[in-house]
Amino acid sequence: MNAKVKQEGRLIAASPVTERMVNALKESIAGCSPETIIETVAVASLWSDQAQQQTQMGGEFTAR
């Protein structure tokens, strides 16, 4: 699911359908596996974190 996420980790209200889907998915996972920690993060932050890790390890960053 691609949705914008505010800095504090909440979905932006401009995507209410996505917000409902994410919340339903979280509730479903929590119901089956309560010990699982679920975090909602922006896709851009994942991309940025991966690029930063690759740079720190001296490797090249390749998008897949």
N, C-alpha and C. Protein backbone atom coordinates (compact mmCIF):
# COMPACT_ATOMS: atom_id res chain seq x y z
N MET A 1 0.84 -1.18 0.00
CA MET A 1 0.00 0.00 0.00
C MET A 1 0.88 1.23 0.00
N ASN A 2 0.62 2.11 -0.89
CA ASN A 2 1.38 3.34 -0.99
C ASN A 2 0.54 4.49 -0.46
N ALA A 3 0.91 5.05 0.65
CA ALA A 3 0.19 6.18 1.22
C ALA A 3 1.20 7.12 1.86
N LYS A 4 0.84 8.37 1.90
CA LYS A 4 1.71 9.33 2.56
C LYS A 4 1.55 9.17 4.07
N VAL A 5 2.63 9.29 4.79
CA VAL A 5 2.60 9.17 6.24
C VAL A 5 3.21 10.43 6.82
N LYS A 6 2.51 11.01 7.79
CA LYS A 6 3.06 12.19 8.46
C LYS A 6 4.29 11.78 9.25
N GLN A 7 5.08 12.76 9.64
CA GLN A 7 6.33 12.51 10.36
C GLN A 7 6.10 11.68 11.62
N GLU A 8 4.96 11.86 12.30
CA GLU A 8 4.72 11.12 13.55
C GLU A 8 4.16 9.72 13.31
N GLY A 9 4.12 9.28 12.03
CA GLY A 9 3.73 7.91 11.76
C GLY A 9 2.25 7.68 11.49
N ARG A 10 1.47 8.75 11.41
CA ARG A 10 0.04 8.59 11.13
C ARG A 10 -0.22 8.85 9.66
N LEU A 11 -1.18 8.12 9.12
CA LEU A 11 -1.54 8.34 7.72
C LEU A 11 -2.18 9.70 7.55
N ILE A 12 -1.89 10.34 6.44
CA ILE A 12 -2.49 11.65 6.14
C ILE A 12 -3.96 11.43 5.79
N ALA A 13 -4.82 12.30 6.27
CA ALA A 13 -6.26 12.17 6.08
C ALA A 13 -6.68 12.20 4.61
N ALA A 14 -5.80 12.61 3.73
CA ALA A 14 -6.12 12.67 2.30
C ALA A 14 -6.31 11.28 1.71
N SER A 15 -5.96 10.25 2.43
CA SER A 15 -6.11 8.89 1.92
C SER A 15 -6.92 8.03 2.90
N PRO A 16 -8.22 8.37 3.10
CA PRO A 16 -9.02 7.65 4.10
C PRO A 16 -9.21 6.17 3.78
N VAL A 17 -9.30 5.81 2.50
CA VAL A 17 -9.48 4.40 2.15
C VAL A 17 -8.23 3.62 2.53
N THR A 18 -7.08 4.18 2.22
CA THR A 18 -5.83 3.51 2.57
C THR A 18 -5.70 3.40 4.08
N GLU A 19 -6.10 4.45 4.79
CA GLU A 19 -6.03 4.43 6.25
C GLU A 19 -6.89 3.29 6.80
N ARG A 20 -8.09 3.13 6.27
CA ARG A 20 -8.97 2.04 6.73
C ARG A 20 -8.36 0.67 6.41
N MET A 21 -7.76 0.54 5.22
CA MET A 21 -7.13 -0.73 4.85
C MET A 21 -5.97 -1.05 5.77
N VAL A 22 -5.14 -0.06 6.05
CA VAL A 22 -3.98 -0.28 6.93
C VAL A 22 -4.44 -0.64 8.33
N ASN A 23 -5.45 0.07 8.84
CA ASN A 23 -5.96 -0.23 10.19
C ASN A 23 -6.55 -1.63 10.25
N ALA A 24 -7.29 -2.03 9.22
CA ALA A 24 -7.87 -3.38 9.19
C ALA A 24 -6.77 -4.43 9.14
N LEU A 25 -5.74 -4.17 8.36
CA LEU A 25 -4.62 -5.11 8.27
C LEU A 25 -3.91 -5.23 9.61
N LYS A 26 -3.68 -4.09 10.28
CA LYS A 26 -3.04 -4.11 11.60
C LYS A 26 -3.87 -4.90 12.60
N GLU A 27 -5.19 -4.66 12.61
CA GLU A 27 -6.07 -5.37 13.55
C GLU A 27 -6.07 -6.87 13.28
N SER A 28 -6.08 -7.24 12.02
CA SER A 28 -6.07 -8.65 11.65
C SER A 28 -4.78 -9.33 12.09
N ILE A 29 -3.66 -8.68 11.84
CA ILE A 29 -2.37 -9.25 12.25
C ILE A 29 -2.29 -9.34 13.77
N ALA A 30 -2.74 -8.29 14.46
CA ALA A 30 -2.71 -8.29 15.92
C ALA A 30 -3.60 -9.39 16.49
N GLY A 31 -4.72 -9.67 15.83
CA GLY A 31 -5.61 -10.72 16.29
C GLY A 31 -5.00 -12.11 16.17
N CYS A 32 -4.21 -12.32 15.13
CA CYS A 32 -3.58 -13.62 14.89
C CYS A 32 -2.22 -13.76 15.57
N SER A 33 -1.56 -12.63 15.75
CA SER A 33 -0.19 -12.66 16.27
C SER A 33 0.04 -11.42 17.14
N PRO A 34 -0.53 -11.40 18.36
CA PRO A 34 -0.46 -10.21 19.20
C PRO A 34 0.95 -9.76 19.57
N GLU A 35 1.92 -10.66 19.50
CA GLU A 35 3.29 -10.27 19.85
C GLU A 35 4.00 -9.52 18.72
N THR A 36 3.39 -9.51 17.54
CA THR A 36 3.99 -8.82 16.39
C THR A 36 3.84 -7.32 16.53
N ILE A 37 4.93 -6.60 16.34
CA ILE A 37 4.91 -5.14 16.39
C ILE A 37 4.73 -4.63 14.96
N ILE A 38 3.72 -3.82 14.76
CA ILE A 38 3.41 -3.31 13.43
C ILE A 38 3.65 -1.81 13.40
N GLU A 39 4.49 -1.37 12.47
CA GLU A 39 4.78 0.05 12.32
C GLU A 39 4.37 0.50 10.92
N THR A 40 3.78 1.68 10.83
CA THR A 40 3.44 2.28 9.55
C THR A 40 4.46 3.35 9.26
N VAL A 41 5.19 3.18 8.17
CA VAL A 41 6.23 4.15 7.82
C VAL A 41 6.06 4.59 6.37
N ALA A 42 6.59 5.75 6.07
CA ALA A 42 6.54 6.26 4.70
C ALA A 42 7.51 5.48 3.83
N VAL A 43 7.10 5.19 2.61
CA VAL A 43 7.96 4.46 1.68
C VAL A 43 9.27 5.21 1.47
N ALA A 44 9.20 6.52 1.38
CA ALA A 44 10.41 7.32 1.16
C ALA A 44 11.41 7.14 2.29
N SER A 45 10.94 6.98 3.52
CA SER A 45 11.87 6.81 4.63
C SER A 45 12.55 5.45 4.56
N LEU A 46 11.85 4.42 4.07
CA LEU A 46 12.47 3.11 3.90
C LEU A 46 13.55 3.19 2.84
N TRP A 47 13.26 3.85 1.74
CA TRP A 47 14.23 4.01 0.66
C TRP A 47 15.45 4.75 1.18
N SER A 48 15.21 5.83 1.92
CA SER A 48 16.29 6.64 2.45
C SER A 48 17.15 5.84 3.43
N ASP A 49 16.52 5.08 4.32
CA ASP A 49 17.25 4.26 5.29
C ASP A 49 18.11 3.22 4.58
N GLN A 50 17.56 2.59 3.54
CA GLN A 50 18.32 1.57 2.82
C GLN A 50 19.52 2.19 2.12
N ALA A 51 19.34 3.34 1.52
CA ALA A 51 20.45 4.02 0.83
C ALA A 51 21.52 4.41 1.83
N GLN A 52 21.11 4.89 3.00
CA GLN A 52 22.06 5.31 4.02
C GLN A 52 22.86 4.10 4.52
N GLN A 53 22.21 2.97 4.72
CA GLN A 53 22.91 1.76 5.18
C GLN A 53 23.91 1.29 4.13
N GLN A 54 23.53 1.34 2.88
CA GLN A 54 24.43 0.92 1.81
C GLN A 54 25.66 1.82 1.78
N THR A 55 25.46 3.11 1.96
CA THR A 55 26.57 4.07 1.95
C THR A 55 27.51 3.80 3.12
N GLN A 56 26.95 3.54 4.30
CA GLN A 56 27.77 3.29 5.48
C GLN A 56 28.57 2.00 5.33
N MET A 57 28.03 1.03 4.61
CA MET A 57 28.72 -0.25 4.42
C MET A 57 29.66 -0.20 3.22
N GLY A 58 29.71 0.92 2.53
CA GLY A 58 30.61 1.06 1.40
C GLY A 58 30.13 0.37 0.14
N GLY A 59 28.88 -0.07 0.16
CA GLY A 59 28.34 -0.76 -1.01
C GLY A 59 27.60 0.18 -1.93
N GLU A 60 27.25 -0.34 -3.08
CA GLU A 60 26.48 0.45 -4.02
C GLU A 60 25.01 0.23 -3.74
N PHE A 61 24.22 1.25 -4.01
CA PHE A 61 22.78 1.16 -3.81
C PHE A 61 22.14 0.86 -5.16
N THR A 62 21.42 -0.24 -5.24
CA THR A 62 20.76 -0.62 -6.48
C THR A 62 19.28 -0.78 -6.22
N ALA A 63 18.45 -0.02 -6.94
CA ALA A 63 17.00 -0.14 -6.79
C ALA A 63 16.53 -1.42 -7.46
N ARG A 64 15.62 -2.11 -6.81
CA ARG A 64 15.08 -3.35 -7.38
C ARG A 64 13.62 -3.23 -7.61
